[in-house]
């Protein structure tokens, strides 16, 4: 979508949006290429045993068509929600594409979610069909009675109790399917994002969001695609970074996507994968980059031929950027966005020198600015709210069944990112900090509200406050300050029990790595916990 250009200014001058009235993600990322170059490689999948499968676009179309017919035969209609609880795997791509082709709404779900986290998301979205594996089906079995909308579960690894054997069911389905005509503004997927209070919110995106992501994805990969490009990310496809920063845009451009789920992510394993599968492009979150940086002499131990890497979620420092140049011979580009409005700011090493500590410039097509609390743009150098002007093709339609939260996300026609920043004189945007309580840990954005709700259900806990505590490896760790019920002793054993409580019900990445039992919590006069005070306390603990 981006035009050829030699400077950022030329890019801005030449760029124009091209969003048609009718657009379908499934057709764009699959059928278009299957009809043009059927043997072109779409996916390269490495399973847990190391076996590699190459999946062409014609195979991608055939399998997604079979799945679309299966969904339709099971009664899934336009607008129904289809949950996808799977890791990086071919069936994950098939299910997404099939959902888009039939006009349904895909709901990607993280495989490490526990039963409580899944129950809320599946119930809130009213998911009617779930594609998962036997491990996922086992989690659902305990909560299925609480999910009246969920009519069918299909598993990719054979039959399980209460589910359909997906591959057996697909054998009788036709490889021919006529995708429904969807408008660019029709809903396509719901991605749940963590909030600061209460349960997560479902960001509802239209089919046009793929087109909206393209300029940012292309800019962050030094004007992607180039001949020979092949892309990979360790980020799960359930998150917007894996799905819409990598999988769907790459397939749209006909670029092969390498898919692999590490049993445990290590720097050595990442370098080995990059070498063995001739990976040229990658989205690697900062935490993963830090893990890779701990490996000694990677350039001497592996043959690396990367063309582009981009990272996001936090600002990269000068040391990490320098390591990237030394290791890969390229500048790691930084990009910025959020689930509701993604990839709107980026650097681009092929067009402009990077600036450590400053995340980038507005991506062409996106009006990004710094505004004050009443919605007026501020002068360069003045701290304010990072905001994106509506309408914008990448911007969400709203929060699923939550108009109040949607309204609160905007001031006039500006979408508030919830982050503070400064615009430099020449248009570079410097991220300063969040104005909310969202925790950034190992590349995940974690809302404290859901964790607090989970903790408060524990028999021993009267009240609690959850904040992010700065951490050199993970950016932040989840820290819980807990006020116990009368008569309960705050022992190490109880702390471990509380940690396991969250792990099992929410997700392994959301459990509090530190638990501190307190005699009181800082409260407002209206009875709300003052997380700002707890964050200051957590920071103070680092120095003691």
Protein backbone atom coordinates (compact mmCIF):
# COMPACT_ATOMS: atom_id res chain seq x y z
CA UNK A 1 0.00 0.00 0.00
CA UNK A 2 2.90 2.39 0.65
CA UNK A 3 4.35 3.97 -2.51
CA UNK A 4 8.03 3.78 -3.39
CA UNK A 5 9.90 6.63 -1.72
CA UNK A 6 13.39 7.66 -0.68
CA UNK A 7 12.39 9.94 2.20
CA UNK A 8 9.67 10.05 4.83
CA UNK A 9 8.44 13.36 3.43
CA UNK A 10 8.08 11.82 -0.05
CA UNK A 11 6.16 8.92 1.51
CA UNK A 12 3.72 11.32 3.16
CA UNK A 13 3.23 13.31 -0.02
CA UNK A 14 2.54 10.28 -2.21
CA UNK A 15 0.38 8.19 0.15
CA UNK A 16 -3.37 7.87 -0.35
CA UNK A 17 -5.75 5.38 1.28
CA UNK A 18 -7.38 2.84 -1.02
CA UNK A 19 -10.20 1.28 0.99
CA UNK A 20 -12.96 -0.12 -1.25
CA UNK A 21 -16.60 -0.31 -0.25
CA UNK A 22 -16.50 -4.10 -0.23
CA UNK A 23 -13.57 -5.96 1.30
CA UNK A 24 -13.13 -9.36 2.95
CA UNK A 25 -10.02 -10.29 4.92
CA UNK A 26 -10.33 -13.99 4.02
CA UNK A 27 -10.40 -13.30 0.30
CA UNK A 28 -7.56 -10.79 0.56
CA UNK A 29 -5.14 -13.07 2.43
CA UNK A 30 -6.02 -16.34 0.72
CA UNK A 31 -8.24 -16.63 -2.37
CA UNK A 32 -6.62 -13.73 -4.21
CA UNK A 33 -3.23 -15.49 -4.19
CA UNK A 34 -4.65 -19.01 -4.63
CA UNK A 35 -6.19 -17.96 -7.95
CA UNK A 36 -3.12 -16.03 -9.07
CA UNK A 37 -0.27 -18.30 -7.89
CA UNK A 38 -1.76 -21.48 -6.42
CA UNK A 39 1.60 -23.12 -5.63
CA UNK A 40 3.01 -20.08 -3.85
CA UNK A 41 3.99 -20.90 -0.23
CA UNK A 42 1.72 -19.36 2.40
CA UNK A 43 2.77 -21.09 5.64
CA UNK A 44 5.81 -23.01 6.82
CA UNK A 45 4.81 -24.90 9.95
CA UNK A 46 7.24 -26.66 12.28
CA UNK A 47 5.48 -28.89 14.80
CA UNK A 48 6.74 -29.92 18.23
CA UNK A 49 8.58 -32.94 16.81
CA UNK A 50 10.45 -30.77 14.31
CA UNK A 51 8.48 -31.95 11.27
CA UNK A 52 8.08 -29.19 8.70
CA UNK A 53 5.03 -28.67 6.48
CA UNK A 54 4.85 -26.26 3.55
CA UNK A 55 1.30 -25.08 2.87
CA UNK A 56 0.54 -23.39 -0.44
CA UNK A 57 -2.11 -20.76 -1.04
CA UNK A 58 -4.20 -23.29 -2.94
CA UNK A 59 -4.10 -25.59 0.10
CA UNK A 60 -4.90 -22.65 2.34
CA UNK A 61 -7.97 -21.90 0.22
CA UNK A 62 -9.09 -25.53 0.06
CA UNK A 63 -8.83 -26.06 3.80
CA UNK A 64 -10.41 -22.73 4.75
CA UNK A 65 -13.25 -23.45 2.31
CA UNK A 66 -13.81 -26.86 3.89
CA UNK A 67 -13.89 -25.22 7.29
CA UNK A 68 -16.27 -22.49 6.09
CA UNK A 69 -18.65 -25.17 4.82
CA UNK A 70 -18.36 -27.02 8.13
CA UNK A 71 -19.16 -23.87 10.10
CA UNK A 72 -22.16 -23.17 7.89
CA UNK A 73 -23.36 -26.76 8.26
CA UNK A 74 -23.17 -26.39 12.04
CA UNK A 75 -25.52 -23.42 11.86
CA UNK A 76 -22.99 -20.59 12.10
CA UNK A 77 -24.41 -17.53 10.43
CA UNK A 78 -23.20 -14.10 9.46
CA UNK A 79 -22.33 -12.09 12.55
CA UNK A 80 -21.98 -15.15 14.84
CA UNK A 81 -18.81 -15.35 16.90
CA UNK A 82 -16.23 -18.09 16.38
CA UNK A 83 -13.63 -18.58 19.11
CA UNK A 84 -10.13 -19.71 18.09
CA UNK A 85 -8.20 -21.12 21.04
CA UNK A 86 -5.04 -22.35 19.34
CA UNK A 87 -1.29 -21.64 19.17
CA UNK A 88 0.54 -20.83 15.93
CA UNK A 89 -0.66 -23.66 13.66
CA UNK A 90 -2.15 -24.11 10.17
CA UNK A 91 -5.60 -24.72 11.65
CA UNK A 92 -5.42 -21.32 13.34
CA UNK A 93 -5.04 -19.64 9.96
CA UNK A 94 -7.72 -21.88 8.39
CA UNK A 95 -10.21 -20.97 11.12
CA UNK A 96 -9.59 -17.24 10.85
CA UNK A 97 -9.92 -17.21 7.09
CA UNK A 98 -13.05 -19.40 7.18
CA UNK A 99 -14.68 -17.14 9.77
CA UNK A 100 -14.06 -14.06 7.62
CA UNK A 101 -15.32 -15.78 4.47
CA UNK A 102 -18.68 -16.66 6.01
CA UNK A 103 -19.09 -13.19 7.49
CA UNK A 104 -18.71 -14.40 11.08
CA UNK A 105 -16.65 -12.63 13.76
CA UNK A 106 -13.42 -14.31 14.86
CA UNK A 107 -12.48 -14.19 18.55
CA UNK A 108 -8.80 -15.16 19.02
CA UNK A 109 -8.00 -16.55 22.47
CA UNK A 110 -4.64 -17.10 24.15
CA UNK A 111 -3.86 -20.76 24.86
CA UNK A 112 -2.43 -19.96 28.30
CA UNK A 113 -5.72 -18.50 29.53
CA UNK A 114 -7.23 -20.36 32.45
CA UNK A 115 -10.88 -21.34 32.82
CA UNK A 116 -11.99 -18.09 34.44
CA UNK A 117 -10.40 -15.90 31.76
CA UNK A 118 -11.92 -18.04 29.02
CA UNK A 119 -15.35 -18.11 30.63
CA UNK A 120 -15.55 -14.33 30.68
CA UNK A 121 -14.38 -13.81 27.09
CA UNK A 122 -16.44 -16.64 25.58
CA UNK A 123 -19.51 -15.57 27.54
CA UNK A 124 -19.15 -11.86 26.87
CA UNK A 125 -18.70 -12.41 23.13
CA UNK A 126 -21.48 -15.02 22.99
CA UNK A 127 -19.20 -17.41 21.11
CA UNK A 128 -21.26 -20.04 19.28
CA UNK A 129 -18.42 -22.15 17.85
CA UNK A 130 -14.97 -22.88 19.26
CA UNK A 131 -11.97 -24.31 17.39
CA UNK A 132 -9.32 -25.60 19.80
CA UNK A 133 -7.32 -28.68 20.77
CA UNK A 134 -7.97 -31.31 23.43
CA UNK A 135 -6.12 -29.28 26.04
CA UNK A 136 -8.36 -26.31 25.34
CA UNK A 137 -11.47 -28.47 25.28
CA UNK A 138 -10.49 -29.79 28.70
CA UNK A 139 -10.49 -26.25 30.09
CA UNK A 140 -13.89 -25.56 28.56
CA UNK A 141 -15.45 -28.75 29.93
CA UNK A 142 -15.47 -27.36 33.48
CA UNK A 143 -17.25 -24.13 32.45
CA UNK A 144 -19.39 -25.20 29.51
CA UNK A 145 -22.60 -25.10 31.54
CA UNK A 146 -21.93 -21.37 32.03
CA UNK A 147 -21.72 -20.79 28.26
CA UNK A 148 -25.24 -21.28 26.84
CA UNK A 149 -24.33 -19.71 23.48
CA UNK A 150 -21.53 -22.22 22.84
CA UNK A 151 -23.12 -24.91 20.66
CA UNK A 152 -20.13 -26.62 19.06
CA UNK A 153 -16.47 -27.33 19.85
CA UNK A 154 -14.10 -28.75 17.24
CA UNK A 155 -10.65 -30.08 18.17
CA UNK A 156 -7.67 -30.27 15.82
CA UNK A 157 -5.89 -33.21 17.50
CA UNK A 158 -8.56 -35.89 17.44
CA UNK A 159 -11.85 -36.50 19.21
CA UNK A 160 -12.31 -35.34 22.80
CA UNK A 161 -15.26 -35.56 25.12
CA UNK A 162 -17.91 -33.06 24.09
CA UNK A 163 -16.18 -32.02 20.87
CA UNK A 164 -16.06 -32.81 17.17
CA UNK A 165 -12.93 -34.25 15.55
CA UNK A 166 -12.17 -31.33 13.23
CA UNK A 167 -10.10 -33.13 10.60
CA UNK A 168 -12.53 -36.05 10.40
CA UNK A 169 -15.40 -33.60 9.96
CA UNK A 170 -13.55 -31.69 7.22
CA UNK A 171 -13.07 -34.78 5.03
CA UNK A 172 -16.67 -34.69 3.80
CA UNK A 173 -16.73 -30.95 3.19
CA UNK A 174 -16.43 -29.32 -0.22
CA UNK A 175 -13.28 -27.41 -1.18
CA UNK A 176 -15.52 -24.90 -2.94
CA UNK A 177 -17.08 -22.01 -1.07
CA UNK A 178 -18.39 -18.65 -2.23
CA UNK A 179 -17.33 -16.00 0.31
CA UNK A 180 -20.05 -13.62 1.44
CA UNK A 181 -19.87 -10.01 0.27
CA UNK A 182 -18.71 -8.00 3.25
CA UNK A 183 -18.31 -4.26 3.37
CA UNK A 184 -15.02 -2.88 4.60
CA UNK A 185 -16.85 -1.53 7.66
CA UNK A 186 -18.52 -4.86 8.54
CA UNK A 187 -17.28 -6.47 11.80
CA UNK A 188 -14.61 -9.16 11.42
CA UNK A 189 -12.97 -9.89 14.78
CA UNK A 190 -12.99 -9.15 18.50
CA UNK A 191 -9.68 -8.93 20.36
CA UNK A 192 -9.91 -8.58 24.11
CA UNK A 193 -7.73 -5.92 25.63
CA UNK A 194 -6.89 -5.46 29.28
CA UNK A 195 -8.37 -2.51 31.11
CA UNK A 196 -7.55 -0.86 34.40
CA UNK A 197 -10.82 -1.68 36.13
CA UNK A 198 -13.05 -4.70 35.95
CA UNK A 199 -13.00 -7.26 33.18
CA UNK A 200 -11.27 -6.97 29.78
CA UNK A 201 -13.03 -5.17 26.93
CA UNK A 202 -13.56 -6.65 23.48
CA UNK A 203 -12.21 -4.37 20.76
CA UNK A 204 -14.43 -4.96 17.72
CA UNK A 205 -12.61 -4.49 14.41
CA UNK A 206 -13.93 -4.26 10.86
CA UNK A 207 -12.55 -6.02 7.78
CA UNK A 208 -10.86 -2.72 6.86
CA UNK A 209 -8.52 -3.05 9.83
CA UNK A 210 -6.22 -5.22 7.72
CA UNK A 211 -5.87 -2.46 5.14
CA UNK A 212 -5.40 0.01 7.98
CA UNK A 213 -2.49 -2.05 9.34
CA UNK A 214 -0.63 -2.27 6.03
CA UNK A 215 1.14 1.12 5.98
CA UNK A 216 2.48 0.67 9.52
CA UNK A 217 3.55 -2.91 8.91
CA UNK A 218 5.25 -1.96 5.65
CA UNK A 219 7.02 1.07 7.15
CA UNK A 220 8.27 -0.84 10.18
CA UNK A 221 9.80 -3.45 7.85
CA UNK A 222 11.65 -0.93 5.67
CA UNK A 223 8.96 -0.85 2.98
CA UNK A 224 7.78 -4.46 3.07
CA UNK A 225 7.65 -6.63 1.01
CA UNK A 226 10.88 -7.21 -0.88
CA UNK A 227 11.62 -10.22 -3.09
CA UNK A 228 12.66 -13.17 -0.93
CA UNK A 229 10.99 -11.92 2.24
CA UNK A 230 9.92 -14.57 4.76
CA UNK A 231 8.51 -13.54 8.13
CA UNK A 232 8.21 -14.92 11.66
CA UNK A 233 7.23 -13.77 15.13
CA UNK A 234 7.38 -15.42 18.55
CA UNK A 235 4.23 -13.46 19.44
CA UNK A 236 1.10 -15.59 19.70
CA UNK A 237 -1.41 -15.11 16.88
CA UNK A 238 -4.12 -14.59 19.51
CA UNK A 239 -2.71 -11.10 20.11
CA UNK A 240 -2.96 -8.21 17.69
CA UNK A 241 0.84 -8.14 17.34
CA UNK A 242 1.00 -11.71 16.03
CA UNK A 243 -2.22 -11.64 14.02
CA UNK A 244 -2.31 -8.19 12.42
CA UNK A 245 1.34 -7.16 12.58
CA UNK A 246 2.51 -10.43 10.97
CA UNK A 247 0.18 -13.25 9.88
CA UNK A 248 -2.60 -11.47 7.98
CA UNK A 249 -0.55 -8.63 6.39
CA UNK A 250 2.14 -11.07 5.24
CA UNK A 251 -0.43 -13.38 3.64
CA UNK A 252 -2.07 -10.34 2.04
CA UNK A 253 1.29 -9.63 0.39
CA UNK A 254 1.90 -13.27 -0.51
CA UNK A 255 4.89 -13.53 1.83
CA UNK A 256 5.46 -16.92 3.54
CA UNK A 257 4.88 -16.97 7.31
CA UNK A 258 6.97 -19.31 9.47
CA UNK A 259 4.86 -20.76 12.31
CA UNK A 260 6.26 -22.53 15.34
CA UNK A 261 5.36 -22.78 18.99
CA UNK A 262 8.44 -23.09 21.18
CA UNK A 263 8.07 -25.42 24.14
CA UNK A 264 10.21 -22.76 25.87
CA UNK A 265 11.45 -19.62 24.18
CA UNK A 266 15.23 -19.26 24.36
CA UNK A 267 17.64 -17.05 22.47
CA UNK A 268 19.47 -20.08 21.08
CA UNK A 269 16.23 -21.59 19.75
CA UNK A 270 15.25 -18.31 18.11
CA UNK A 271 18.59 -17.91 16.33
CA UNK A 272 18.46 -21.53 15.19
CA UNK A 273 14.98 -21.05 13.73
CA UNK A 274 16.02 -17.88 11.92
CA UNK A 275 18.97 -19.69 10.35
CA UNK A 276 17.25 -22.98 9.52
CA UNK A 277 14.24 -21.41 7.83
CA UNK A 278 15.95 -18.49 6.11
CA UNK A 279 13.84 -15.96 7.97
CA UNK A 280 14.33 -12.47 6.59
CA UNK A 281 11.80 -10.45 8.59
CA UNK A 282 10.51 -10.60 12.13
CA UNK A 283 8.38 -8.88 14.71
CA UNK A 284 10.16 -9.53 18.01
CA UNK A 285 8.84 -7.93 21.22
CA UNK A 286 11.45 -6.17 23.41
CA UNK A 287 11.45 -8.88 26.08
CA UNK A 288 12.27 -11.55 23.48
CA UNK A 289 15.02 -9.33 22.07
CA UNK A 290 16.53 -9.04 25.56
CA UNK A 291 16.51 -12.83 25.88
CA UNK A 292 18.24 -13.14 22.51
CA UNK A 293 20.77 -10.48 23.48
CA UNK A 294 21.96 -12.70 26.34
CA UNK A 295 23.31 -15.23 23.81
CA UNK A 296 27.04 -14.88 23.22
CA UNK A 297 28.46 -14.36 19.71
CA UNK A 298 25.28 -15.18 17.72
CA UNK A 299 26.72 -13.78 14.51
CA UNK A 300 29.55 -16.31 14.69
CA UNK A 301 27.40 -19.27 15.71
CA UNK A 302 24.54 -18.88 13.21
CA UNK A 303 24.21 -17.70 9.63
CA UNK A 304 21.83 -14.75 9.82
CA UNK A 305 20.47 -12.90 6.79
CA UNK A 306 17.77 -10.68 8.22
CA UNK A 307 16.44 -7.78 6.16
CA UNK A 308 14.11 -6.20 8.74
CA UNK A 309 13.09 -6.47 12.37
CA UNK A 310 10.57 -4.36 14.19
CA UNK A 311 9.65 -4.27 17.82
CA UNK A 312 6.97 -2.58 19.89
CA UNK A 313 5.36 -2.40 23.28
CA UNK A 314 8.09 -0.30 24.88
CA UNK A 315 10.83 2.03 23.69
CA UNK A 316 14.11 0.37 22.75
CA UNK A 317 17.22 1.83 24.31
CA UNK A 318 20.45 2.69 22.53
CA UNK A 319 22.17 -0.47 23.78
CA UNK A 320 19.53 -2.78 22.31
CA UNK A 321 19.56 -0.88 19.02
CA UNK A 322 23.34 -1.10 18.85
CA UNK A 323 23.19 -4.83 19.62
CA UNK A 324 20.73 -5.24 16.74
CA UNK A 325 23.13 -3.53 14.33
CA UNK A 326 26.07 -5.62 15.52
CA UNK A 327 24.13 -8.90 15.41
CA UNK A 328 21.98 -8.54 12.30
CA UNK A 329 23.57 -5.65 10.44
CA UNK A 330 20.28 -3.72 10.43
CA UNK A 331 18.46 -1.15 12.50
CA UNK A 332 15.60 -2.57 14.55
CA UNK A 333 12.60 -0.37 13.81
CA UNK A 334 10.16 0.63 16.54
CA UNK A 335 6.40 0.86 16.11
CA UNK A 336 3.58 2.01 18.35
CA UNK A 337 -0.11 1.34 18.66
CA UNK A 338 -2.63 -0.52 20.76
CA UNK A 339 -5.35 -3.09 20.24
CA UNK A 340 -7.97 -0.44 19.50
CA UNK A 341 -5.82 1.47 17.01
CA UNK A 342 -2.61 -0.28 16.06
CA UNK A 343 0.58 0.55 14.15
CA UNK A 344 0.05 4.30 13.82
CA UNK A 345 3.61 5.41 14.66
CA UNK A 346 6.85 3.85 13.39
CA UNK A 347 10.48 4.42 12.64
CA UNK A 348 11.96 3.24 9.35
CA UNK A 349 15.71 2.70 9.14
CA UNK A 350 15.75 2.72 5.34
CA UNK A 351 14.28 6.24 5.24
CA UNK A 352 15.55 7.96 8.40
CA UNK A 353 18.08 7.44 11.18
CA UNK A 354 16.69 5.95 14.37
CA UNK A 355 16.53 7.99 17.56
CA UNK A 356 16.99 5.96 20.73
CA UNK A 357 14.24 6.77 23.20
CA UNK A 358 11.93 8.29 20.56
CA UNK A 359 9.57 5.76 19.05
CA UNK A 360 9.00 7.18 15.57
CA UNK A 361 6.88 9.38 13.34
CA UNK A 362 3.21 9.09 12.35
CA UNK A 363 2.68 6.41 9.73
CA UNK A 364 1.30 7.88 6.48
CA UNK A 365 -2.49 7.90 6.55
CA UNK A 366 -2.74 8.27 10.33
CA UNK A 367 -3.26 11.65 11.99
CA UNK A 368 -1.42 11.23 15.29
CA UNK A 369 -0.96 14.18 17.60
CA UNK A 370 -0.53 15.31 21.20
CA UNK A 371 -3.64 16.86 22.73
CA UNK A 372 -4.61 18.33 26.07
CA UNK A 373 -7.42 17.13 28.33
CA UNK A 374 -10.10 19.04 26.41
CA UNK A 375 -9.06 17.75 22.99
CA UNK A 376 -6.93 20.63 21.70
CA UNK A 377 -3.57 20.00 20.05
CA UNK A 378 -0.61 21.26 22.05
CA UNK A 379 2.60 22.86 20.82
CA UNK A 380 5.72 20.78 20.09
CA UNK A 381 7.66 20.01 23.25
CA UNK A 382 4.55 20.10 25.47
CA UNK A 383 3.54 16.95 27.32
CA UNK A 384 0.04 15.71 26.54
CA UNK A 385 -2.14 12.79 25.48
CA UNK A 386 -1.09 10.72 22.46
CA UNK A 387 -4.22 10.63 20.29
CA UNK A 388 -5.34 9.50 16.83
CA UNK A 389 -7.93 11.39 14.82
CA UNK A 390 -11.06 9.55 13.72
CA UNK A 391 -12.03 8.25 11.21
CA UNK A 392 -9.11 5.96 10.50
CA UNK A 393 -9.21 2.58 8.70
CA UNK A 394 -7.19 0.84 11.43
CA UNK A 395 -9.38 2.15 14.26
CA UNK A 396 -11.78 -0.18 16.06
CA UNK A 397 -15.55 0.04 15.65
CA UNK A 398 -16.01 0.15 19.42
CA UNK A 399 -15.96 -2.06 22.49
CA UNK A 400 -18.22 -5.10 22.20
CA UNK A 401 -21.49 -4.41 24.05
CA UNK A 402 -19.87 -1.54 25.97
CA UNK A 403 -20.92 1.83 24.52
CA UNK A 404 -19.99 3.69 27.70
CA UNK A 405 -16.36 2.53 27.52
CA UNK A 406 -16.31 3.32 23.80
CA UNK A 407 -17.50 6.86 24.43
CA UNK A 408 -14.90 7.33 27.17
CA UNK A 409 -12.16 6.39 24.68
CA UNK A 410 -12.75 9.58 22.66
CA UNK A 411 -12.55 13.33 23.10
CA UNK A 412 -14.42 14.87 20.18
CA UNK A 413 -12.97 13.07 17.13
CA UNK A 414 -9.71 12.10 18.87
CA UNK A 415 -9.15 8.54 20.10
CA UNK A 416 -7.18 8.59 23.34
CA UNK A 417 -4.46 5.96 23.50
CA UNK A 418 -4.14 6.33 27.27
CA UNK A 419 -0.46 7.21 26.86
CA UNK A 420 1.41 10.44 27.45
CA UNK A 421 3.91 11.82 24.99
CA UNK A 422 5.65 14.79 23.45
CA UNK A 423 5.81 15.81 19.79
CA UNK A 424 9.28 16.96 18.76
CA UNK A 425 9.67 19.99 16.48
CA UNK A 426 10.21 17.77 13.42
CA UNK A 427 7.28 15.44 14.10
CA UNK A 428 8.96 12.61 15.98
CA UNK A 429 6.86 11.37 18.91
CA UNK A 430 8.46 10.60 22.24
CA UNK A 431 6.59 8.21 24.52
CA UNK A 432 6.68 9.43 28.12
CA UNK A 433 4.41 7.07 30.02
CA UNK A 434 0.96 5.68 30.55
CA UNK A 435 -1.79 7.67 32.20
CA UNK A 436 -3.54 4.46 33.26
CA UNK A 437 -2.58 1.43 35.31
CA UNK A 438 -2.00 -1.13 32.55
CA UNK A 439 1.05 -3.31 33.27
CA UNK A 440 3.55 -4.11 30.51
CA UNK A 441 5.25 -7.43 31.30
CA UNK A 442 7.24 -9.58 28.87
CA UNK A 443 5.51 -7.89 25.96
CA UNK A 444 1.99 -8.44 27.33
CA UNK A 445 -0.30 -5.59 28.35
CA UNK A 446 -2.02 -6.75 31.51
CA UNK A 447 -4.98 -5.08 33.17
CA UNK A 448 -4.85 -5.09 36.97
CA UNK A 449 -8.63 -5.11 37.29
CA UNK A 450 -9.09 -8.68 36.08
CA UNK A 451 -6.33 -9.91 38.41
CA UNK A 452 -7.82 -8.08 41.37
CA UNK A 453 -11.24 -9.57 40.63
CA UNK A 454 -9.66 -13.03 40.55
CA UNK A 455 -7.72 -12.48 43.77
CA UNK A 456 -10.68 -11.16 45.71
CA UNK A 457 -12.49 -14.46 45.12
CA UNK A 458 -9.85 -16.28 47.19
CA UNK A 459 -11.11 -17.27 50.61
CA UNK A 460 -8.22 -15.58 52.45
CA UNK A 461 -8.27 -12.18 50.71
CA UNK A 462 -10.31 -9.24 51.92
CA UNK A 463 -8.90 -6.55 49.59
CA UNK A 464 -6.03 -6.23 47.16
CA UNK A 465 -4.25 -3.87 44.81
CA UNK A 466 -2.25 -4.93 41.74
CA UNK A 467 0.39 -2.79 40.03
CA UNK A 468 3.41 -3.14 37.78
CA UNK A 469 6.81 -3.12 39.46
CA UNK A 470 9.78 -2.13 37.24
CA UNK A 471 11.93 -5.10 36.22
CA UNK A 472 15.05 -5.08 34.06
CA UNK A 473 14.18 -8.31 32.23
CA UNK A 474 10.39 -8.11 31.84
CA UNK A 475 9.92 -4.30 31.87
CA UNK A 476 7.48 -4.80 34.73
CA UNK A 477 6.32 -7.69 36.89
CA UNK A 478 2.86 -8.08 38.37
CA UNK A 479 2.97 -7.16 42.05
CA UNK A 480 0.05 -7.77 44.42
CA UNK A 481 -0.49 -6.01 47.74
CA UNK A 482 -2.96 -8.07 49.75
CA UNK A 483 -5.05 -7.34 52.84
CA UNK A 484 -6.04 -10.67 54.37
CA UNK A 485 -9.19 -11.65 56.19
CA UNK A 486 -9.02 -11.39 59.97
CA UNK A 487 -7.27 -14.30 61.57
CA UNK A 488 -5.41 -15.37 58.40
CA UNK A 489 -1.61 -15.40 58.55
CA UNK A 490 0.40 -14.17 55.56
CA UNK A 491 2.78 -17.08 55.12
CA UNK A 492 5.04 -17.98 52.21
CA UNK A 493 2.85 -21.02 51.60
CA UNK A 494 -0.25 -18.81 51.32
CA UNK A 495 1.58 -16.50 48.89
CA UNK A 496 2.39 -19.48 46.65
CA UNK A 497 -1.20 -20.68 46.89
CA UNK A 498 -2.45 -17.25 45.82
CA UNK A 499 -0.02 -17.19 42.88
CA UNK A 500 -1.25 -20.62 41.73
CA UNK A 501 -4.83 -19.42 42.17
CA UNK A 502 -4.28 -16.74 39.52
CA UNK A 503 -2.20 -18.98 37.24
CA UNK A 504 -4.93 -21.59 37.07
CA UNK A 505 -7.84 -19.19 36.60
CA UNK A 506 -6.41 -16.45 34.40
CA UNK A 507 -3.05 -17.10 32.75
CA UNK A 508 0.55 -17.89 33.59
CA UNK A 509 1.75 -14.47 32.42
CA UNK A 510 -0.75 -12.67 34.69
CA UNK A 511 0.04 -14.18 38.07
CA UNK A 512 1.67 -11.90 40.65
CA UNK A 513 5.37 -12.73 40.75
CA UNK A 514 5.57 -10.84 44.03
CA UNK A 515 2.98 -10.92 46.81
CA UNK A 516 3.17 -8.59 49.80
CA UNK A 517 0.75 -8.87 52.69
CA UNK A 518 -0.19 -5.48 54.17
CA UNK A 519 -2.18 -4.20 57.13
CA UNK A 520 -3.92 -1.51 55.06
CA UNK A 521 -4.24 -0.27 51.49
CA UNK A 522 -4.18 3.38 50.33
CA UNK A 523 -7.78 4.40 49.58
CA UNK A 524 -9.59 7.43 48.20
CA UNK A 525 -12.45 8.97 50.16
CA UNK A 526 -14.83 7.10 47.85
CA UNK A 527 -13.26 3.74 48.68
CA UNK A 528 -11.09 3.20 45.60
CA UNK A 529 -7.58 1.81 45.91
CA UNK A 530 -4.93 4.39 44.97
CA UNK A 531 -2.71 2.37 42.63
CA UNK A 532 -0.43 5.36 42.15
CA UNK A 533 0.64 5.06 45.79
CA UNK A 534 1.19 1.33 45.41
CA UNK A 535 3.33 1.86 42.31
CA UNK A 536 5.44 4.37 44.22
CA UNK A 537 5.82 1.82 47.01
CA UNK A 538 6.85 -0.87 44.52
CA UNK A 539 9.45 1.44 42.97
CA UNK A 540 10.76 2.28 46.42
CA UNK A 541 11.27 -1.42 47.14
CA UNK A 542 13.81 -1.63 44.33
CA UNK A 543 16.17 0.73 46.11
CA UNK A 544 15.90 -0.98 49.49
